[in-house]
Amino acid sequence: MAKISGVQKIGIVVLILSFLIGIIGTVWSIYSSFGALDAAEFGGIGPVSDQIKNALWFSAGGFVGCVAGALLIVLGRAKPRDDQHTRSDL
């Protein structure tokens, strides 16, 4: 089994945390929007628009964080090519 590099460990942490923060933030914002809708009753979409905006931001942030974490995992697995020589190798 291959060893996990430091970059991969960071990628795993970023991926898991951004997923959890994105999901929890989205659920919390939607829950809050229902509370704002209940308090306003006939106020239209105005009272819930900020909460829905927050839910969208949390969803987008979670997605971007997951992509960044996945990229770190992939980059951590990449091996340097043989044709890349350092100055001391020449």
C-alpha atoms as a PDB file:
ATOM      1  CA  MET A   1       0.000   0.000   0.000  1.00  0.00           C
ATOM      2  CA  ALA A   2       1.322   3.433  -0.934  1.00  0.00           C
ATOM      3  CA  LYS A   3       2.265   5.952   1.737  1.00  0.00           C
ATOM      4  CA  ILE A   4       0.105   9.031   2.097  1.00  0.00           C
ATOM      5  CA  SER A   5       2.094  12.211   1.568  1.00  0.00           C
ATOM      6  CA  GLY A   6       1.676  15.414   3.574  1.00  0.00           C
ATOM      7  CA  VAL A   7      -0.050  17.127   0.652  1.00  0.00           C
ATOM      8  CA  GLN A   8      -2.527  14.263   0.439  1.00  0.00           C
ATOM      9  CA  LYS A   9      -3.268  14.500   4.166  1.00  0.00           C
ATOM     10  CA  ILE A  10      -3.976  18.223   3.798  1.00  0.00           C
ATOM     11  CA  GLY A  11      -6.172  17.475   0.776  1.00  0.00           C
ATOM     12  CA  ILE A  12      -8.171  14.895   2.725  1.00  0.00           C
ATOM     13  CA  VAL A  13      -8.716  17.323   5.615  1.00  0.00           C
ATOM     14  CA  VAL A  14      -9.734  20.148   3.251  1.00  0.00           C
ATOM     15  CA  LEU A  15     -12.100  17.859   1.353  1.00  0.00           C
ATOM     16  CA  ILE A  16     -13.836  16.533   4.470  1.00  0.00           C
ATOM     17  CA  LEU A  17     -14.074  19.880   6.276  1.00  0.00           C
ATOM     18  CA  SER A  18     -15.362  21.809   3.271  1.00  0.00           C
ATOM     19  CA  PHE A  19     -17.973  19.129   2.591  1.00  0.00           C
ATOM     20  CA  LEU A  20     -19.192  19.214   6.193  1.00  0.00           C
ATOM     21  CA  ILE A  21     -19.172  23.014   6.445  1.00  0.00           C
ATOM     22  CA  GLY A  22     -20.995  23.294   3.111  1.00  0.00           C
ATOM     23  CA  ILE A  23     -23.712  20.805   4.071  1.00  0.00           C
ATOM     24  CA  ILE A  24     -24.209  22.120   7.614  1.00  0.00           C
ATOM     25  CA  GLY A  25     -24.249  25.751   6.446  1.00  0.00           C
ATOM     26  CA  THR A  26     -26.739  24.993   3.695  1.00  0.00           C
ATOM     27  CA  VAL A  27     -29.082  23.111   6.009  1.00  0.00           C
ATOM     28  CA  TRP A  28     -28.822  25.797   8.698  1.00  0.00           C
ATOM     29  CA  SER A  29     -29.560  28.584   6.193  1.00  0.00           C
ATOM     30  CA  ILE A  30     -32.569  26.782   4.735  1.00  0.00           C
ATOM     31  CA  TYR A  31     -33.852  26.077   8.260  1.00  0.00           C
ATOM     32  CA  SER A  32     -33.434  29.774   9.114  1.00  0.00           C
ATOM     33  CA  SER A  33     -35.241  30.788   5.942  1.00  0.00           C
ATOM     34  CA  PHE A  34     -38.278  28.767   7.019  1.00  0.00           C
ATOM     35  CA  GLY A  35     -38.179  30.586  10.361  1.00  0.00           C
ATOM     36  CA  ALA A  36     -38.017  33.961   8.591  1.00  0.00           C
ATOM     37  CA  LEU A  37     -40.870  32.927   6.297  1.00  0.00           C
ATOM     38  CA  ASP A  38     -42.980  31.866   9.270  1.00  0.00           C
ATOM     39  CA  ALA A  39     -42.290  35.146  11.097  1.00  0.00           C
ATOM     40  CA  ALA A  40     -43.180  37.295   8.078  1.00  0.00           C
ATOM     41  CA  GLU A  41     -46.174  35.148   6.993  1.00  0.00           C
ATOM     42  CA  PHE A  42     -47.328  37.317   4.089  1.00  0.00           C
ATOM     43  CA  GLY A  43     -44.118  39.315   3.595  1.00  0.00           C
ATOM     44  CA  GLY A  44     -43.239  37.682   0.282  1.00  0.00           C
ATOM     45  CA  ILE A  45     -39.782  36.421  -0.638  1.00  0.00           C
ATOM     46  CA  GLY A  46     -37.957  39.397   0.909  1.00  0.00           C
ATOM     47  CA  PRO A  47     -37.407  38.010   4.416  1.00  0.00           C
ATOM     48  CA  VAL A  48     -36.042  34.678   3.167  1.00  0.00           C
ATOM     49  CA  SER A  49     -33.873  35.953   0.342  1.00  0.00           C
ATOM     50  CA  ASP A  50     -30.837  36.574   2.569  1.00  0.00           C
ATOM     51  CA  GLN A  51     -31.033  33.087   4.050  1.00  0.00           C
ATOM     52  CA  ILE A  52     -31.383  31.480   0.627  1.00  0.00           C
ATOM     53  CA  LYS A  53     -28.400  33.533  -0.559  1.00  0.00           C
ATOM     54  CA  ASN A  54     -26.406  32.216   2.407  1.00  0.00           C
ATOM     55  CA  ALA A  55     -27.428  28.653   1.563  1.00  0.00           C
ATOM     56  CA  LEU A  56     -26.205  29.099  -2.005  1.00  0.00           C
ATOM     57  CA  TRP A  57     -22.896  30.559  -0.787  1.00  0.00           C
ATOM     58  CA  PHE A  58     -22.364  27.653   1.608  1.00  0.00           C
ATOM     59  CA  SER A  59     -23.153  25.160  -1.166  1.00  0.00           C
ATOM     60  CA  ALA A  60     -20.780  26.842  -3.614  1.00  0.00           C
ATOM     61  CA  GLY A  61     -18.046  27.189  -0.992  1.00  0.00           C
ATOM     62  CA  GLY A  62     -18.360  23.528  -0.048  1.00  0.00           C
ATOM     63  CA  PHE A  63     -18.097  22.512  -3.695  1.00  0.00           C
ATOM     64  CA  VAL A  64     -15.038  24.683  -4.321  1.00  0.00           C
ATOM     65  CA  GLY A  65     -13.385  23.370  -1.155  1.00  0.00           C
ATOM     66  CA  CYS A  66     -14.055  19.765  -2.182  1.00  0.00           C
ATOM     67  CA  VAL A  67     -12.523  20.382  -5.606  1.00  0.00           C
ATOM     68  CA  ALA A  68      -9.461  22.003  -3.995  1.00  0.00           C
ATOM     69  CA  GLY A  69      -9.093  19.050  -1.625  1.00  0.00           C
ATOM     70  CA  ALA A  70      -9.413  16.558  -4.465  1.00  0.00           C
ATOM     71  CA  LEU A  71      -6.756  18.426  -6.447  1.00  0.00           C
ATOM     72  CA  LEU A  72      -4.398  18.330  -3.477  1.00  0.00           C
ATOM     73  CA  ILE A  73      -4.938  14.585  -3.175  1.00  0.00           C
ATOM     74  CA  VAL A  74      -4.204  14.061  -6.863  1.00  0.00           C
ATOM     75  CA  LEU A  75      -1.155  16.344  -6.793  1.00  0.00           C
ATOM     76  CA  GLY A  76       0.146  14.530  -3.727  1.00  0.00           C
ATOM     77  CA  ARG A  77       0.015  11.226  -5.611  1.00  0.00           C
ATOM     78  CA  ALA A  78       1.806  12.575  -8.666  1.00  0.00           C
ATOM     79  CA  LYS A  79       5.390  11.407  -8.981  1.00  0.00           C
ATOM     80  CA  PRO A  80       8.075  13.649 -10.433  1.00  0.00           C
ATOM     81  CA  ARG A  81       9.060  12.764 -13.961  1.00  0.00           C
ATOM     82  CA  ASP A  82      12.489  11.312 -14.660  1.00  0.00           C
ATOM     83  CA  ASP A  83      13.351  14.022 -17.182  1.00  0.00           C
ATOM     84  CA  GLN A  84      13.256  16.738 -14.518  1.00  0.00           C
ATOM     85  CA  HIS A  85      16.860  17.162 -13.449  1.00  0.00           C
ATOM     86  CA  THR A  86      18.196  19.445 -10.798  1.00  0.00           C
ATOM     87  CA  ARG A  87      21.304  21.514 -11.346  1.00  0.00           C
ATOM     88  CA  SER A  88      23.396  19.057  -9.287  1.00  0.00           C
ATOM     89  CA  ASP A  89      22.356  16.153 -11.540  1.00  0.00           C
ATOM     90  CA  LEU A  90      23.913  17.712 -14.624  1.00  0.00           C
END
